Amino acid sequence: MQLSIIICSYNRADYIGQALTSLYEQSVGMNNFEAIIVDNNSTDGTTDVYAKWRLVHPNGQFTYATETNQGASFARNKGAELAKGNWFCFMDDDAVATPNFVENILAHIKLHPSIVGFGGRIIPKYIPTEPKWMSYYVSSLVGNFDYAPIAKAFEKGKYPLESNMIVSKEIFETIAGFNTALPGVVGTLRIGGEGKELFYKILSLGHTIYYDPSIVVYHVVEVKKLTAEYLYRVASGIGRGERTRTKNISQKAYFQKIAEYIFKLGAAIILAIKYALQFTPAKSWPIIQFRIDALKGLLNY
């Protein structure tokens, strides 16, 4: 088995079926990959949704497991423990893979036999439509990721996002998987950055991480859920994750991150003014709020 696709799921009963069907309908034969769904204490009937989906889609290698320790890092590590593949692909439970998703992953591995990690493009799928206040600078909060128009190595400090990233089993085990001190969502609290730290560990070992825009998933974004509370949870979670990660390095690294976030807040204010002058004022404040919320998380405020 060459590829294991790992999906950690938490209360996505409305969308997990679409994610699984997109894998079921891949352009390559289902003997080329397995899919492992790890239920992370869902309370919305996700188990029943999977069972009904499986009855209608009996072919292929699909495994359903549970992880009671709350947080995406715990669930993804559980999926990796169960995986049989030489490569692990991590995909979100509200993502929809394009028909050639697996085909292009396997082609990338074949073309670059010495690599240990790479990622692809993530396109937001707004339901019903993209809100007028959304901008490029805020869309990263809902998973938008389009690093380059061609396949290339990531520059220093850049890395794939969690809903579309692939690493070799060997390197995953070498770095001991995801850091559970950065669990992701736990109840109403978010401590993010687990993917960032994973790739930073890989980079620290001297490896190069690649981006391939042909490897695509669509990420479902329900506009009705894009509340100030939701955006705060995501943005502050980024800051909390950076607080944990940098403090683990040194106090100096933490203070440097504070300085970086203050600089980014200043840049956000300039961008907000630019949007206002371009007669799109609705996009102005969300950019500033994003940076304020991230700074709050970093300062544990």
C-alpha atoms as a PDB file:
ATOM      1  CA  MET A   1       0.000   0.000   0.000  1.00  0.00           C
ATOM      2  CA  GLN A   2       1.525   3.289  -1.092  1.00  0.00           C
ATOM      3  CA  LEU A   3      -0.910   5.915   0.198  1.00  0.00           C
ATOM      4  CA  SER A   4      -3.069   6.256   3.306  1.00  0.00           C
ATOM      5  CA  ILE A   5      -5.520   9.173   3.395  1.00  0.00           C
ATOM      6  CA  ILE A   6      -6.288  10.164   6.984  1.00  0.00           C
ATOM      7  CA  ILE A   7      -9.375  12.220   7.842  1.00  0.00           C
ATOM      8  CA  CYS A   8      -9.980  13.301  11.420  1.00  0.00           C
ATOM      9  CA  SER A   9     -13.634  14.172  11.928  1.00  0.00           C
ATOM     10  CA  TYR A  10     -15.453  16.186  14.559  1.00  0.00           C
ATOM     11  CA  ASN A  11     -19.150  17.008  14.109  1.00  0.00           C
ATOM     12  CA  ARG A  12     -19.142  17.206  10.324  1.00  0.00           C
ATOM     13  CA  ALA A  13     -22.049  14.841   9.675  1.00  0.00           C
ATOM     14  CA  ASP A  14     -23.367  17.210   7.008  1.00  0.00           C
ATOM     15  CA  TYR A  15     -20.149  17.075   4.974  1.00  0.00           C
ATOM     16  CA  ILE A  16     -18.210  13.906   5.737  1.00  0.00           C
ATOM     17  CA  GLY A  17     -20.198  12.002   3.091  1.00  0.00           C
ATOM     18  CA  GLN A  18     -19.094  14.423   0.369  1.00  0.00           C
ATOM     19  CA  ALA A  19     -15.473  14.059   1.448  1.00  0.00           C
ATOM     20  CA  LEU A  20     -15.659  10.263   1.319  1.00  0.00           C
ATOM     21  CA  THR A  21     -17.509  10.165  -1.991  1.00  0.00           C
ATOM     22  CA  SER A  22     -14.835  12.374  -3.551  1.00  0.00           C
ATOM     23  CA  LEU A  23     -12.283   9.719  -2.599  1.00  0.00           C
ATOM     24  CA  TYR A  24     -14.529   6.882  -3.749  1.00  0.00           C
ATOM     25  CA  GLU A  25     -14.752   8.437  -7.213  1.00  0.00           C
ATOM     26  CA  GLN A  26     -11.039   8.938  -7.799  1.00  0.00           C
ATOM     27  CA  SER A  27      -9.577   8.501 -11.287  1.00  0.00           C
ATOM     28  CA  VAL A  28      -7.212   5.764 -10.110  1.00  0.00           C
ATOM     29  CA  GLY A  29      -8.278   2.357  -8.875  1.00  0.00           C
ATOM     30  CA  MET A  30      -9.151   2.094  -5.187  1.00  0.00           C
ATOM     31  CA  ASN A  31      -6.432  -0.495  -4.718  1.00  0.00           C
ATOM     32  CA  ASN A  32      -3.960   2.424  -4.912  1.00  0.00           C
ATOM     33  CA  PHE A  33      -4.947   3.913  -1.550  1.00  0.00           C
ATOM     34  CA  GLU A  34      -6.810   3.445   1.695  1.00  0.00           C
ATOM     35  CA  ALA A  35      -8.866   5.957   3.660  1.00  0.00           C
ATOM     36  CA  ILE A  36      -8.949   6.095   7.450  1.00  0.00           C
ATOM     37  CA  ILE A  37     -11.644   8.156   9.146  1.00  0.00           C
ATOM     38  CA  VAL A  38     -10.944   8.945  12.806  1.00  0.00           C
ATOM     39  CA  ASP A  39     -14.014  10.126  14.736  1.00  0.00           C
ATOM     40  CA  ASN A  40     -12.839  12.550  17.435  1.00  0.00           C
ATOM     41  CA  ASN A  41     -15.853  12.415  19.815  1.00  0.00           C
ATOM     42  CA  SER A  42     -18.500  13.587  17.352  1.00  0.00           C
ATOM     43  CA  THR A  43     -21.974  14.069  18.812  1.00  0.00           C
ATOM     44  CA  ASP A  44     -23.927  14.845  15.643  1.00  0.00           C
ATOM     45  CA  GLY A  45     -24.495  11.362  14.247  1.00  0.00           C
ATOM     46  CA  THR A  46     -21.287  11.151  12.231  1.00  0.00           C
ATOM     47  CA  THR A  47     -21.039   7.412  12.995  1.00  0.00           C
ATOM     48  CA  ASP A  48     -24.482   6.740  11.536  1.00  0.00           C
ATOM     49  CA  VAL A  49     -23.732   8.890   8.496  1.00  0.00           C
ATOM     50  CA  TYR A  50     -20.591   6.857   7.810  1.00  0.00           C
ATOM     51  CA  ALA A  51     -22.393   3.540   8.281  1.00  0.00           C
ATOM     52  CA  LYS A  52     -25.122   4.508   5.804  1.00  0.00           C
ATOM     53  CA  TRP A  53     -22.541   5.858   3.353  1.00  0.00           C
ATOM     54  CA  ARG A  54     -20.548   2.627   3.535  1.00  0.00           C
ATOM     55  CA  LEU A  55     -23.582   0.502   2.750  1.00  0.00           C
ATOM     56  CA  VAL A  56     -24.001   2.407  -0.512  1.00  0.00           C
ATOM     57  CA  HIS A  57     -20.247   2.500  -1.209  1.00  0.00           C
ATOM     58  CA  PRO A  58     -18.977  -1.001  -0.301  1.00  0.00           C
ATOM     59  CA  ASN A  59     -15.789  -1.079  -2.375  1.00  0.00           C
ATOM     60  CA  GLY A  60     -12.302   0.113  -1.551  1.00  0.00           C
ATOM     61  CA  GLN A  61     -10.370   0.186   1.690  1.00  0.00           C
ATOM     62  CA  PHE A  62     -12.180   2.480   4.129  1.00  0.00           C
ATOM     63  CA  THR A  63     -11.608   2.172   7.863  1.00  0.00           C
ATOM     64  CA  TYR A  64     -13.586   3.914  10.614  1.00  0.00           C
ATOM     65  CA  ALA A  65     -11.896   4.421  13.989  1.00  0.00           C
ATOM     66  CA  THR A  66     -12.327   6.562  17.092  1.00  0.00           C
ATOM     67  CA  GLU A  67      -9.992   8.738  19.190  1.00  0.00           C
ATOM     68  CA  THR A  68     -11.307   9.955  22.544  1.00  0.00           C
ATOM     69  CA  ASN A  69      -8.467  12.388  23.264  1.00  0.00           C
ATOM     70  CA  GLN A  70      -9.866  15.619  21.887  1.00  0.00           C
ATOM     71  CA  GLY A  71      -7.945  17.462  19.202  1.00  0.00           C
ATOM     72  CA  ALA A  72      -6.920  16.998  15.577  1.00  0.00           C
ATOM     73  CA  SER A  73      -3.322  16.146  16.499  1.00  0.00           C
ATOM     74  CA  PHE A  74      -4.484  13.184  18.590  1.00  0.00           C
ATOM     75  CA  ALA A  75      -6.857  12.019  15.846  1.00  0.00           C
ATOM     76  CA  ARG A  76      -4.296  12.351  13.060  1.00  0.00           C
ATOM     77  CA  ASN A  77      -1.710  10.467  15.086  1.00  0.00           C
ATOM     78  CA  LYS A  78      -4.271   7.706  15.675  1.00  0.00           C
ATOM     79  CA  GLY A  79      -4.913   7.490  11.948  1.00  0.00           C
ATOM     80  CA  ALA A  80      -1.177   7.249  11.296  1.00  0.00           C
ATOM     81  CA  GLU A  81      -0.900   4.379  13.780  1.00  0.00           C
ATOM     82  CA  LEU A  82      -3.530   2.446  11.827  1.00  0.00           C
ATOM     83  CA  ALA A  83      -2.239   3.346   8.366  1.00  0.00           C
ATOM     84  CA  LYS A  84      -0.653   0.746   6.123  1.00  0.00           C
ATOM     85  CA  GLY A  85       0.684   3.127   3.481  1.00  0.00           C
ATOM     86  CA  ASN A  86       4.228   4.359   2.938  1.00  0.00           C
ATOM     87  CA  TRP A  87       2.794   7.881   2.609  1.00  0.00           C
ATOM     88  CA  PHE A  88       0.258   9.709   4.769  1.00  0.00           C
ATOM     89  CA  CYS A  89      -2.103  12.251   3.241  1.00  0.00           C
ATOM     90  CA  PHE A  90      -4.050  14.403   5.705  1.00  0.00           C
ATOM     91  CA  MET A  91      -7.385  15.786   4.514  1.00  0.00           C
ATOM     92  CA  ASP A  92     -10.183  17.572   6.383  1.00  0.00           C
ATOM     93  CA  ASP A  93     -13.643  16.128   6.921  1.00  0.00           C
ATOM     94  CA  ASP A  94     -15.253  19.076   5.121  1.00  0.00           C
ATOM     95  CA  ALA A  95     -12.909  18.967   2.133  1.00  0.00           C
ATOM     96  CA  VAL A  96     -13.765  17.590  -1.295  1.00  0.00           C
ATOM     97  CA  ALA A  97     -10.951  16.088  -3.343  1.00  0.00           C
ATOM     98  CA  THR A  98     -10.838  16.622  -7.091  1.00  0.00           C
ATOM     99  CA  PRO A  99     -11.162  13.421  -9.191  1.00  0.00           C
ATOM    100  CA  ASN A 100      -7.410  13.284  -9.943  1.00  0.00           C
ATOM    101  CA  PHE A 101      -6.341  14.054  -6.364  1.00  0.00           C
ATOM    102  CA  VAL A 102      -4.793  10.646  -5.624  1.00  0.00           C
ATOM    103  CA  GLU A 103      -3.472  10.269  -9.171  1.00  0.00           C
ATOM    104  CA  ASN A 104      -1.550  13.531  -8.881  1.00  0.00           C
ATOM    105  CA  ILE A 105      -0.212  12.692  -5.417  1.00  0.00           C
ATOM    106  CA  LEU A 106       1.184   9.394  -6.695  1.00  0.00           C
ATOM    107  CA  ALA A 107       2.615  11.133  -9.783  1.00  0.00           C
ATOM    108  CA  HIS A 108       4.366  13.691  -7.566  1.00  0.00           C
ATOM    109  CA  ILE A 109       5.908  10.934  -5.448  1.00  0.00           C
ATOM    110  CA  LYS A 110       7.135   9.131  -8.553  1.00  0.00           C
ATOM    111  CA  LEU A 111       8.565  12.312 -10.080  1.00  0.00           C
ATOM    112  CA  HIS A 112      10.368  13.332  -6.861  1.00  0.00           C
ATOM    113  CA  PRO A 113      11.561  10.060  -5.266  1.00  0.00           C
ATOM    114  CA  SER A 114      13.802  11.798  -2.724  1.00  0.00           C
ATOM    115  CA  ILE A 115      11.157  14.045  -1.150  1.00  0.00           C
ATOM    116  CA  VAL A 116       9.593  13.432   2.275  1.00  0.00           C
ATOM    117  CA  GLY A 117       6.789  16.003   2.335  1.00  0.00           C
ATOM    118  CA  PHE A 118       4.634  18.179   0.105  1.00  0.00           C
ATOM    119  CA  GLY A 119       1.206  19.775  -0.154  1.00  0.00           C
ATOM    120  CA  GLY A 120      -1.285  21.132  -2.618  1.00  0.00           C
ATOM    121  CA  ARG A 121      -3.878  23.776  -3.310  1.00  0.00           C
ATOM    122  CA  ILE A 122      -6.978  24.471  -1.195  1.00  0.00           C
ATOM    123  CA  ILE A 123      -9.907  26.335  -2.733  1.00  0.00           C
ATOM    124  CA  PRO A 124     -12.693  27.658  -0.478  1.00  0.00           C
ATOM    125  CA  LYS A 125     -16.175  26.526  -1.459  1.00  0.00           C
ATOM    126  CA  TYR A 126     -18.416  29.201   0.021  1.00  0.00           C
ATOM    127  CA  ILE A 127     -21.996  28.256   0.859  1.00  0.00           C
ATOM    128  CA  PRO A 128     -23.937  30.019  -0.486  1.00  0.00           C
ATOM    129  CA  THR A 129     -21.522  32.712  -1.740  1.00  0.00           C
ATOM    130  CA  GLU A 130     -18.323  34.457  -0.709  1.00  0.00           C
ATOM    131  CA  PRO A 131     -19.132  37.300   1.739  1.00  0.00           C
ATOM    132  CA  LYS A 132     -18.388  40.804   0.527  1.00  0.00           C
ATOM    133  CA  TRP A 133     -16.013  41.424   3.443  1.00  0.00           C
ATOM    134  CA  MET A 134     -13.770  38.491   2.559  1.00  0.00           C
ATOM    135  CA  SER A 135     -10.327  39.374   1.241  1.00  0.00           C
ATOM    136  CA  TYR A 136      -7.232  37.438   0.266  1.00  0.00           C
ATOM    137  CA  TYR A 137      -5.625  38.288   3.611  1.00  0.00           C
ATOM    138  CA  VAL A 138      -8.507  36.924   5.677  1.00  0.00           C
ATOM    139  CA  SER A 139      -9.331  33.936   3.470  1.00  0.00           C
ATOM    140  CA  SER A 140      -6.430  31.968   4.950  1.00  0.00           C
ATOM    141  CA  LEU A 141      -8.614  31.630   8.056  1.00  0.00           C
ATOM    142  CA  VAL A 142     -11.020  29.497   6.027  1.00  0.00           C
ATOM    143  CA  GLY A 143      -8.280  27.454   4.400  1.00  0.00           C
ATOM    144  CA  ASN A 144      -7.621  29.332   1.172  1.00  0.00           C
ATOM    145  CA  PHE A 145      -4.176  28.304  -0.035  1.00  0.00           C
ATOM    146  CA  ASP A 146      -2.690  28.912  -3.479  1.00  0.00           C
ATOM    147  CA  TYR A 147       1.059  29.199  -3.067  1.00  0.00           C
ATOM    148  CA  ALA A 148       2.235  29.196  -6.696  1.00  0.00           C
ATOM    149  CA  PRO A 149       0.981  28.478 -10.225  1.00  0.00           C
ATOM    150  CA  ILE A 150       3.632  25.780 -10.756  1.00  0.00           C
ATOM    151  CA  ALA A 151       5.099  22.957  -8.718  1.00  0.00           C
ATOM    152  CA  LYS A 152       8.072  24.214  -6.722  1.00  0.00           C
ATOM    153  CA  ALA A 153       9.865  24.021  -3.403  1.00  0.00           C
ATOM    154  CA  PHE A 154       8.465  26.133  -0.586  1.00  0.00           C
ATOM    155  CA  GLU A 155      10.558  29.123   0.374  1.00  0.00           C
ATOM    156  CA  LYS A 156      11.890  29.405   3.907  1.00  0.00           C
ATOM    157  CA  GLY A 157       9.103  29.786   6.444  1.00  0.00           C
ATOM    158  CA  LYS A 158       6.378  28.522   4.075  1.00  0.00           C
ATOM    159  CA  TYR A 159       4.643  25.159   4.345  1.00  0.00           C
ATOM    160  CA  PRO A 160       1.453  23.272   3.326  1.00  0.00           C
ATOM    161  CA  LEU A 161      -1.798  23.607   5.259  1.00  0.00           C
ATOM    162  CA  GLU A 162      -3.285  20.754   7.266  1.00  0.00           C
ATOM    163  CA  SER A 163      -6.235  19.960   4.997  1.00  0.00           C
ATOM    164  CA  ASN A 164      -4.006  19.040   2.045  1.00  0.00           C
ATOM    165  CA  MET A 165      -0.580  17.840   3.095  1.00  0.00           C
ATOM    166  CA  ILE A 166       1.368  14.651   2.465  1.00  0.00           C
ATOM    167  CA  VAL A 167       4.363  13.227   4.336  1.00  0.00           C
ATOM    168  CA  SER A 168       6.236   9.952   4.183  1.00  0.00           C
ATOM    169  CA  LYS A 169       5.594   7.435   6.930  1.00  0.00           C
ATOM    170  CA  GLU A 170       9.330   7.304   7.618  1.00  0.00           C
ATOM    171  CA  ILE A 171       9.703  11.035   8.283  1.00  0.00           C
ATOM    172  CA  PHE A 172       6.420  11.157  10.222  1.00  0.00           C
ATOM    173  CA  GLU A 173       7.709   8.507  12.612  1.00  0.00           C
ATOM    174  CA  THR A 174      11.141  10.136  12.790  1.00  0.00           C
ATOM    175  CA  ILE A 175       9.651  13.386  14.123  1.00  0.00           C
ATOM    176  CA  ALA A 176       7.121  11.525  16.315  1.00  0.00           C
ATOM    177  CA  GLY A 177       4.067  12.788  14.437  1.00  0.00           C
ATOM    178  CA  PHE A 178       1.952  15.752  15.468  1.00  0.00           C
ATOM    179  CA  ASN A 179       2.710  17.565  18.704  1.00  0.00           C
ATOM    180  CA  THR A 180      -0.334  17.009  20.931  1.00  0.00           C
ATOM    181  CA  ALA A 181       0.532  20.185  22.876  1.00  0.00           C
ATOM    182  CA  LEU A 182      -0.854  21.822  19.706  1.00  0.00           C
ATOM    183  CA  PRO A 183      -4.083  19.810  19.531  1.00  0.00           C
ATOM    184  CA  GLY A 184      -6.184  22.049  17.300  1.00  0.00           C
ATOM    185  CA  VAL A 185      -9.793  22.475  18.469  1.00  0.00           C
ATOM    186  CA  VAL A 186     -10.626  21.357  22.003  1.00  0.00           C
ATOM    187  CA  GLY A 187     -14.180  22.382  22.883  1.00  0.00           C
ATOM    188  CA  THR A 188     -14.444  26.122  22.279  1.00  0.00           C
ATOM    189  CA  LEU A 189     -10.677  26.616  22.551  1.00  0.00           C
ATOM    190  CA  ARG A 190      -8.290  26.358  19.655  1.00  0.00           C
ATOM    191  CA  ILE A 191      -4.523  25.900  19.867  1.00  0.00           C
ATOM    192  CA  GLY A 192      -3.382  25.657  16.279  1.00  0.00           C
ATOM    193  CA  GLY A 193      -0.166  25.464  14.316  1.00  0.00           C
ATOM    194  CA  GLU A 194       0.234  21.688  14.477  1.00  0.00           C
ATOM    195  CA  GLY A 195       0.949  21.435  10.757  1.00  0.00           C
ATOM    196  CA  LYS A 196       3.399  24.311  10.866  1.00  0.00           C
ATOM    197  CA  GLU A 197       5.404  22.725  13.644  1.00  0.00           C
ATOM    198  CA  LEU A 198       5.412  19.340  11.905  1.00  0.00           C
ATOM    199  CA  PHE A 199       6.900  20.829   8.746  1.00  0.00           C
ATOM    200  CA  TYR A 200       9.330  23.001  10.689  1.00  0.00           C
ATOM    201  CA  LYS A 201      10.669  19.820  12.291  1.00  0.00           C
ATOM    202  CA  ILE A 202      11.079  18.265   8.857  1.00  0.00           C
ATOM    203  CA  LEU A 203      12.839  21.361   7.552  1.00  0.00           C
ATOM    204  CA  SER A 204      15.167  21.394  10.573  1.00  0.00           C
ATOM    205  CA  LEU A 205      16.418  17.979   9.462  1.00  0.00           C
ATOM    206  CA  GLY A 206      17.568  19.486   6.168  1.00  0.00           C
ATOM    207  CA  HIS A 207      14.712  18.362   3.941  1.00  0.00           C
ATOM    208  CA  THR A 208      12.900  20.419   1.319  1.00  0.00           C
ATOM    209  CA  ILE A 209       9.096  20.683   1.263  1.00  0.00           C
ATOM    210  CA  TYR A 210       7.318  20.977  -2.080  1.00  0.00           C
ATOM    211  CA  TYR A 211       4.101  22.515  -3.380  1.00  0.00           C
ATOM    212  CA  ASP A 212       2.111  21.030  -6.239  1.00  0.00           C
ATOM    213  CA  PRO A 213      -0.922  23.039  -7.444  1.00  0.00           C
ATOM    214  CA  SER A 214      -2.317  20.041  -9.324  1.00  0.00           C
ATOM    215  CA  ILE A 215      -3.149  18.384  -5.993  1.00  0.00           C
ATOM    216  CA  VAL A 216      -6.426  20.120  -5.156  1.00  0.00           C
ATOM    217  CA  VAL A 217      -9.189  19.969  -2.580  1.00  0.00           C
ATOM    218  CA  TYR A 218     -12.190  22.241  -2.135  1.00  0.00           C
ATOM    219  CA  HIS A 219     -12.799  23.330   1.452  1.00  0.00           C
ATOM    220  CA  VAL A 220     -16.431  23.862   2.414  1.00  0.00           C
ATOM    221  CA  VAL A 221     -17.047  27.247   4.099  1.00  0.00           C
ATOM    222  CA  GLU A 222     -20.507  27.925   5.458  1.00  0.00           C
ATOM    223  CA  VAL A 223     -20.884  31.692   5.393  1.00  0.00           C
ATOM    224  CA  LYS A 224     -23.563  31.538   8.096  1.00  0.00           C
ATOM    225  CA  LYS A 225     -20.894  30.272  10.489  1.00  0.00           C
ATOM    226  CA  LEU A 226     -18.372  33.001   9.705  1.00  0.00           C
ATOM    227  CA  THR A 227     -19.270  34.963  12.800  1.00  0.00           C
ATOM    228  CA  ALA A 228     -16.988  37.232  14.801  1.00  0.00           C
ATOM    229  CA  GLU A 229     -16.833  34.469  17.420  1.00  0.00           C
ATOM    230  CA  TYR A 230     -15.741  31.872  14.837  1.00  0.00           C
ATOM    231  CA  LEU A 231     -13.093  34.107  13.291  1.00  0.00           C
ATOM    232  CA  TYR A 232     -11.788  35.008  16.752  1.00  0.00           C
ATOM    233  CA  ARG A 233     -11.475  31.330  17.659  1.00  0.00           C
ATOM    234  CA  VAL A 234      -9.475  30.573  14.514  1.00  0.00           C
ATOM    235  CA  ALA A 235      -7.247  33.682  14.593  1.00  0.00           C
ATOM    236  CA  SER A 236      -6.575  33.549  18.340  1.00  0.00           C
ATOM    237  CA  GLY A 237      -5.894  29.825  17.974  1.00  0.00           C
ATOM    238  CA  ILE A 238      -3.096  30.648  15.551  1.00  0.00           C
ATOM    239  CA  GLY A 239      -1.638  32.992  18.159  1.00  0.00           C
ATOM    240  CA  ARG A 240      -1.992  30.447  20.973  1.00  0.00           C
ATOM    241  CA  GLY A 241      -0.238  27.869  18.867  1.00  0.00           C
ATOM    242  CA  GLU A 242       2.644  30.237  18.172  1.00  0.00           C
ATOM    243  CA  ARG A 243       2.837  31.059  21.882  1.00  0.00           C
ATOM    244  CA  THR A 244       3.233  27.368  22.697  1.00  0.00           C
ATOM    245  CA  ARG A 245       5.642  26.684  19.847  1.00  0.00           C
ATOM    246  CA  THR A 246       7.965  29.655  20.371  1.00  0.00           C
ATOM    247  CA  LYS A 247       8.033  29.403  24.166  1.00  0.00           C
ATOM    248  CA  ASN A 248       9.158  25.823  23.725  1.00  0.00           C
ATOM    249  CA  ILE A 249      12.115  27.178  21.741  1.00  0.00           C
ATOM    250  CA  SER A 250      13.086  30.095  23.990  1.00  0.00           C
ATOM    251  CA  GLN A 251      11.771  33.249  25.615  1.00  0.00           C
ATOM    252  CA  LYS A 252      13.666  35.224  22.979  1.00  0.00           C
ATOM    253  CA  ALA A 253      11.815  33.418  20.187  1.00  0.00           C
ATOM    254  CA  TYR A 254       8.524  34.266  21.881  1.00  0.00           C
ATOM    255  CA  PHE A 255       9.354  37.979  22.161  1.00  0.00           C
ATOM    256  CA  GLN A 256      10.473  38.003  18.531  1.00  0.00           C
ATOM    257  CA  LYS A 257       7.105  36.540  17.562  1.00  0.00           C
ATOM    258  CA  ILE A 258       5.324  39.296  19.523  1.00  0.00           C
ATOM    259  CA  ALA A 259       7.321  41.900  17.605  1.00  0.00           C
ATOM    260  CA  GLU A 260       6.444  40.171  14.321  1.00  0.00           C
ATOM    261  CA  TYR A 261       2.730  40.164  15.174  1.00  0.00           C
ATOM    262  CA  ILE A 262       2.794  43.860  16.093  1.00  0.00           C
ATOM    263  CA  PHE A 263       4.459  44.597  12.752  1.00  0.00           C
ATOM    264  CA  LYS A 264       1.777  42.550  10.948  1.00  0.00           C
ATOM    265  CA  LEU A 265      -0.926  44.480  12.770  1.00  0.00           C
ATOM    266  CA  GLY A 266       0.585  47.711  11.450  1.00  0.00           C
ATOM    267  CA  ALA A 267       0.683  46.249   7.944  1.00  0.00           C
ATOM    268  CA  ALA A 268      -2.964  45.213   8.309  1.00  0.00           C
ATOM    269  CA  ILE A 269      -3.942  48.802   9.130  1.00  0.00           C
ATOM    270  CA  ILE A 270      -2.208  49.998   5.951  1.00  0.00           C
ATOM    271  CA  LEU A 271      -3.995  47.334   3.901  1.00  0.00           C
ATOM    272  CA  ALA A 272      -7.316  48.331   5.464  1.00  0.00           C
ATOM    273  CA  ILE A 273      -6.773  51.924   4.409  1.00  0.00           C
ATOM    274  CA  LYS A 274      -5.952  50.721   0.898  1.00  0.00           C
ATOM    275  CA  TYR A 275      -9.234  48.778   0.674  1.00  0.00           C
ATOM    276  CA  ALA A 276     -11.147  51.815   1.918  1.00  0.00           C
ATOM    277  CA  LEU A 277      -9.552  53.988  -0.770  1.00  0.00           C
ATOM    278  CA  GLN A 278     -10.503  51.360  -3.361  1.00  0.00           C
ATOM    279  CA  PHE A 279     -14.160  51.721  -2.311  1.00  0.00           C
ATOM    280  CA  THR A 280     -14.326  48.264  -0.709  1.00  0.00           C
ATOM    281  CA  PRO A 281     -14.501  49.333   2.959  1.00  0.00           C
ATOM    282  CA  ALA A 282     -16.236  46.108   4.025  1.00  0.00           C
ATOM    283  CA  LYS A 283     -12.876  44.348   3.622  1.00  0.00           C
ATOM    284  CA  SER A 284     -11.009  46.800   5.845  1.00  0.00           C
ATOM    285  CA  TRP A 285     -11.902  45.952   9.433  1.00  0.00           C
ATOM    286  CA  PRO A 286     -11.747  42.107   9.170  1.00  0.00           C
ATOM    287  CA  ILE A 287      -8.049  42.362   8.240  1.00  0.00           C
ATOM    288  CA  ILE A 288      -7.302  44.431  11.327  1.00  0.00           C
ATOM    289  CA  GLN A 289      -9.488  42.237  13.553  1.00  0.00           C
ATOM    290  CA  PHE A 290      -7.656  39.135  12.327  1.00  0.00           C
ATOM    291  CA  ARG A 291      -4.326  40.544  13.482  1.00  0.00           C
ATOM    292  CA  ILE A 292      -5.739  41.824  16.785  1.00  0.00           C
ATOM    293  CA  ASP A 293      -7.229  38.413  17.569  1.00  0.00           C
ATOM    294  CA  ALA A 294      -4.033  36.582  16.627  1.00  0.00           C
ATOM    295  CA  LEU A 295      -2.038  38.924  18.884  1.00  0.00           C
ATOM    296  CA  LYS A 296      -4.492  38.305  21.728  1.00  0.00           C
ATOM    297  CA  GLY A 297      -3.950  34.574  21.377  1.00  0.00           C
ATOM    298  CA  LEU A 298      -0.183  35.038  21.320  1.00  0.00           C
ATOM    299  CA  LEU A 299      -0.329  37.109  24.506  1.00  0.00           C
ATOM    300  CA  ASN A 300      -2.795  34.645  26.062  1.00  0.00           C
ATOM    301  CA  TYR A 301      -5.203  37.532  26.520  1.00  0.00           C
END
